[in-house]
Amino acid sequence: MPAIERLRPEEFAAHVEGLADVLADAVEGGASLGFVAPFDRVAAAAWWRDQAPAVADGALIVWAARDAGGVAGTVSLALTTKPNGRHRAEVLKLIVHRRARGRGLARALLAAAEGAAREAGASLLLLDTESDSTAERLYVKEGWTRFGVVPGYASTPDGVLRDCSFFYKRLGPRGGAHRSAAVAERA
């Protein structure tokens, strides 16, 4: 399993190129991450550099998982700064390089983000992902609750509109997650 490291603001810039490799690989592989073709490593690096102010002020936490080939995966956690929303955060850009898939890295990255959210005082997490995707199946297995699907919400890199599923997860105070009443009834 690649080592997962939370990137401190002062070291974020040194990891941009590796993060760009993972992002460009995912988009090239067809992942719906908010980008359309053509999208290359240069564009990916520019996008990551644009995140530096949010990383510097603590509104965005980024992790990188590295293996012998470089950055193998990443996940980000956006902390809500609105006074009435400080109890929630959003999981963003959970990406695993195609060479590192199928080994539990996405699950480990997700766990890192959930743990940091809990440490930051967040009790509610949100995320969205392409419906009927491998990522959606992961979130369901990890106890996330789908609360809706929006048809044609986002396009793949080649422009095909896809449905998007929206999820939440309530975090317990000591590592557990609170399950919604609907999920508990089905269990």
Protein backbone atom coordinates (compact mmCIF):
# COMPACT_ATOMS: atom_id res chain seq x y z
CA MET A 1 0.00 0.00 0.00
CA PRO A 2 1.43 3.40 -0.93
CA ALA A 3 2.21 5.77 1.93
CA ILE A 4 -0.48 8.43 2.38
CA GLU A 5 0.73 11.88 3.38
CA ARG A 6 -1.29 14.93 4.34
CA LEU A 7 0.33 17.80 2.45
CA ARG A 8 1.20 20.78 4.61
CA PRO A 9 0.65 24.18 2.98
CA GLU A 10 4.37 24.90 2.82
CA GLU A 11 5.04 21.67 0.87
CA PHE A 12 1.99 21.71 -1.40
CA ALA A 13 3.78 23.39 -4.33
CA ALA A 14 6.44 20.66 -4.36
CA HIS A 15 3.72 18.04 -4.97
CA VAL A 16 1.78 19.81 -7.73
CA GLU A 17 3.48 17.94 -10.58
CA GLY A 18 2.74 14.54 -9.02
CA LEU A 19 -0.85 15.52 -8.30
CA ALA A 20 -1.12 16.69 -11.92
CA ASP A 21 0.02 13.27 -13.13
CA VAL A 22 -2.79 11.56 -11.21
CA LEU A 23 -5.43 14.05 -12.35
CA ALA A 24 -4.36 13.94 -16.01
CA ASP A 25 -4.31 10.12 -15.91
CA ALA A 26 -7.84 9.99 -14.50
CA VAL A 27 -9.26 12.40 -17.05
CA GLU A 28 -7.48 10.54 -19.85
CA GLY A 29 -9.09 7.37 -18.51
CA GLY A 30 -12.55 8.93 -18.81
CA ALA A 31 -13.19 10.01 -15.22
CA SER A 32 -15.79 12.72 -14.80
CA LEU A 33 -13.88 15.11 -12.53
CA GLY A 34 -15.02 18.43 -13.93
CA PHE A 35 -12.73 18.59 -16.94
CA VAL A 36 -13.22 18.04 -20.67
CA ALA A 37 -10.82 16.97 -23.41
CA PRO A 38 -8.37 18.11 -24.41
CA PHE A 39 -6.92 18.10 -20.89
CA ASP A 40 -3.27 17.40 -20.34
CA ARG A 41 -0.71 17.40 -17.56
CA VAL A 42 0.00 21.13 -18.03
CA ALA A 43 -3.69 21.97 -17.53
CA ALA A 44 -3.83 19.60 -14.55
CA ALA A 45 -0.82 21.28 -12.91
CA ALA A 46 -2.38 24.71 -13.48
CA TRP A 47 -5.60 23.53 -11.81
CA TRP A 48 -3.69 22.22 -8.79
CA ARG A 49 -1.68 25.48 -8.53
CA ASP A 50 -4.99 27.37 -8.44
CA GLN A 51 -5.85 25.41 -5.27
CA ALA A 52 -2.79 26.73 -3.39
CA PRO A 53 -4.56 29.68 -1.70
CA ALA A 54 -7.26 27.39 -0.25
CA VAL A 55 -4.57 24.97 0.94
CA ALA A 56 -2.60 27.85 2.48
CA ASP A 57 -5.58 29.19 4.44
CA GLY A 58 -6.65 25.73 5.63
CA ALA A 59 -9.95 25.61 3.76
CA LEU A 60 -8.68 22.72 1.62
CA ILE A 61 -6.72 19.74 2.92
CA VAL A 62 -4.97 17.55 0.33
CA TRP A 63 -3.42 14.10 0.69
CA ALA A 64 -1.02 12.37 -1.68
CA ALA A 65 -0.34 8.64 -1.74
CA ARG A 66 3.02 7.77 -3.25
CA ASP A 67 4.43 4.54 -4.59
CA ALA A 68 7.54 3.74 -6.63
CA GLY A 69 5.93 5.35 -9.69
CA GLY A 70 5.22 8.69 -7.97
CA VAL A 71 1.88 9.98 -6.75
CA ALA A 72 -0.53 7.04 -6.93
CA GLY A 73 -3.61 8.75 -5.53
CA THR A 74 -5.05 11.81 -3.88
CA VAL A 75 -8.09 13.09 -2.04
CA SER A 76 -9.06 16.53 -0.82
CA LEU A 77 -11.31 17.74 1.97
CA ALA A 78 -12.95 21.16 1.71
CA LEU A 79 -13.90 22.54 5.11
CA THR A 80 -16.93 24.80 5.14
CA THR A 81 -16.12 28.30 6.34
CA LYS A 82 -19.69 29.61 6.60
CA PRO A 83 -20.62 30.13 10.25
CA ASN A 84 -23.76 27.98 9.93
CA GLY A 85 -21.93 25.16 8.15
CA ARG A 86 -18.80 24.56 10.17
CA HIS A 87 -20.12 21.13 11.09
CA ARG A 88 -19.80 19.91 7.50
CA ALA A 89 -17.09 19.29 4.92
CA GLU A 90 -16.92 18.00 1.36
CA VAL A 91 -14.77 15.18 0.01
CA LEU A 92 -13.33 16.19 -3.37
CA LYS A 93 -11.15 14.67 -6.06
CA LEU A 94 -10.69 11.15 -4.72
CA ILE A 95 -8.46 9.88 -7.51
CA VAL A 96 -6.34 6.76 -7.87
CA HIS A 97 -3.91 6.43 -10.76
CA ARG A 98 -4.85 3.59 -13.11
CA ARG A 99 -1.60 1.77 -12.28
CA ALA A 100 -2.54 1.63 -8.57
CA ARG A 101 -6.21 0.63 -8.71
CA GLY A 102 -7.68 -2.47 -7.14
CA ARG A 103 -5.46 -2.48 -4.04
CA GLY A 104 -7.61 -0.59 -1.52
CA LEU A 105 -5.97 2.80 -1.99
CA ALA A 106 -9.25 4.65 -2.62
CA ARG A 107 -10.66 3.22 0.61
CA ALA A 108 -7.53 4.26 2.54
CA LEU A 109 -7.61 7.79 1.10
CA LEU A 110 -11.30 8.11 1.94
CA ALA A 111 -10.60 6.97 5.51
CA ALA A 112 -7.86 9.62 5.83
CA ALA A 113 -10.27 12.35 4.73
CA GLU A 114 -13.02 11.10 7.06
CA GLY A 115 -10.60 11.00 10.00
CA ALA A 116 -9.36 14.53 9.36
CA ALA A 117 -12.93 15.79 9.01
CA ARG A 118 -13.76 14.31 12.39
CA GLU A 119 -10.62 15.88 13.91
CA ALA A 120 -11.64 19.25 12.45
CA GLY A 121 -15.03 18.97 14.15
CA ALA A 122 -17.07 18.07 11.09
CA SER A 123 -19.94 15.71 11.75
CA LEU A 124 -21.40 15.69 8.24
CA LEU A 125 -19.58 14.92 5.00
CA LEU A 126 -20.85 15.40 1.45
CA LEU A 127 -19.65 14.28 -1.96
CA ASP A 128 -20.86 13.63 -5.47
CA THR A 129 -19.81 11.07 -8.06
CA GLU A 130 -20.86 9.65 -11.39
CA SER A 131 -23.81 7.31 -10.95
CA ASP A 132 -23.26 3.57 -11.53
CA SER A 133 -19.48 4.01 -11.27
CA THR A 134 -16.86 2.11 -9.33
CA ALA A 135 -16.59 5.14 -7.06
CA GLU A 136 -20.30 5.05 -6.30
CA ARG A 137 -20.03 1.39 -5.28
CA LEU A 138 -17.11 2.25 -2.99
CA TYR A 139 -19.08 4.97 -1.19
CA VAL A 140 -22.04 2.67 -0.64
CA LYS A 141 -19.74 -0.04 0.79
CA GLU A 142 -18.13 2.54 3.09
CA GLY A 143 -21.43 3.56 4.66
CA TRP A 144 -22.29 6.66 2.67
CA THR A 145 -25.97 7.41 2.01
CA ARG A 146 -27.12 8.43 -1.46
CA PHE A 147 -29.67 11.20 -1.15
CA GLY A 148 -30.31 11.93 -4.78
CA VAL A 149 -29.42 11.57 -8.42
CA VAL A 150 -29.36 14.44 -10.89
CA PRO A 151 -29.77 13.30 -14.51
CA GLY A 152 -27.18 14.60 -16.96
CA TYR A 153 -25.40 16.57 -14.22
CA ALA A 154 -21.87 16.44 -15.62
CA SER A 155 -20.13 15.30 -18.75
CA THR A 156 -17.34 12.86 -19.25
CA PRO A 157 -14.13 14.30 -20.72
CA ASP A 158 -15.45 13.46 -24.20
CA GLY A 159 -18.69 15.38 -23.63
CA VAL A 160 -21.20 12.62 -22.82
CA LEU A 161 -23.65 13.73 -20.12
CA ARG A 162 -23.83 11.40 -17.12
CA ASP A 163 -26.06 11.19 -14.08
CA CYS A 164 -24.50 12.17 -10.78
CA SER A 165 -25.23 10.68 -7.36
CA PHE A 166 -25.00 12.84 -4.24
CA PHE A 167 -24.00 11.28 -0.93
CA TYR A 168 -23.67 12.21 2.73
CA LYS A 169 -22.15 10.54 5.74
CA ARG A 170 -22.68 11.43 9.38
CA LEU A 171 -19.54 10.99 11.41
CA GLY A 172 -19.58 9.67 14.92
CA PRO A 173 -17.32 11.15 17.58
CA ARG A 174 -14.98 8.13 17.86
CA GLY A 175 -14.42 6.73 14.42
CA GLY A 176 -17.91 5.40 13.76
CA ALA A 177 -20.44 6.74 11.37
CA HIS A 178 -24.04 7.41 12.28
CA ARG A 179 -26.33 5.62 9.88
CA SER A 180 -29.45 7.32 8.68
CA ALA A 181 -32.77 5.85 9.80
CA ALA A 182 -33.46 4.64 6.24
CA VAL A 183 -30.13 2.82 6.06
CA ALA A 184 -30.61 1.33 9.54
CA GLU A 185 -34.02 -0.01 8.53
CA ARG A 186 -32.53 -1.78 5.50
CA ALA A 187 -29.64 -3.28 7.50
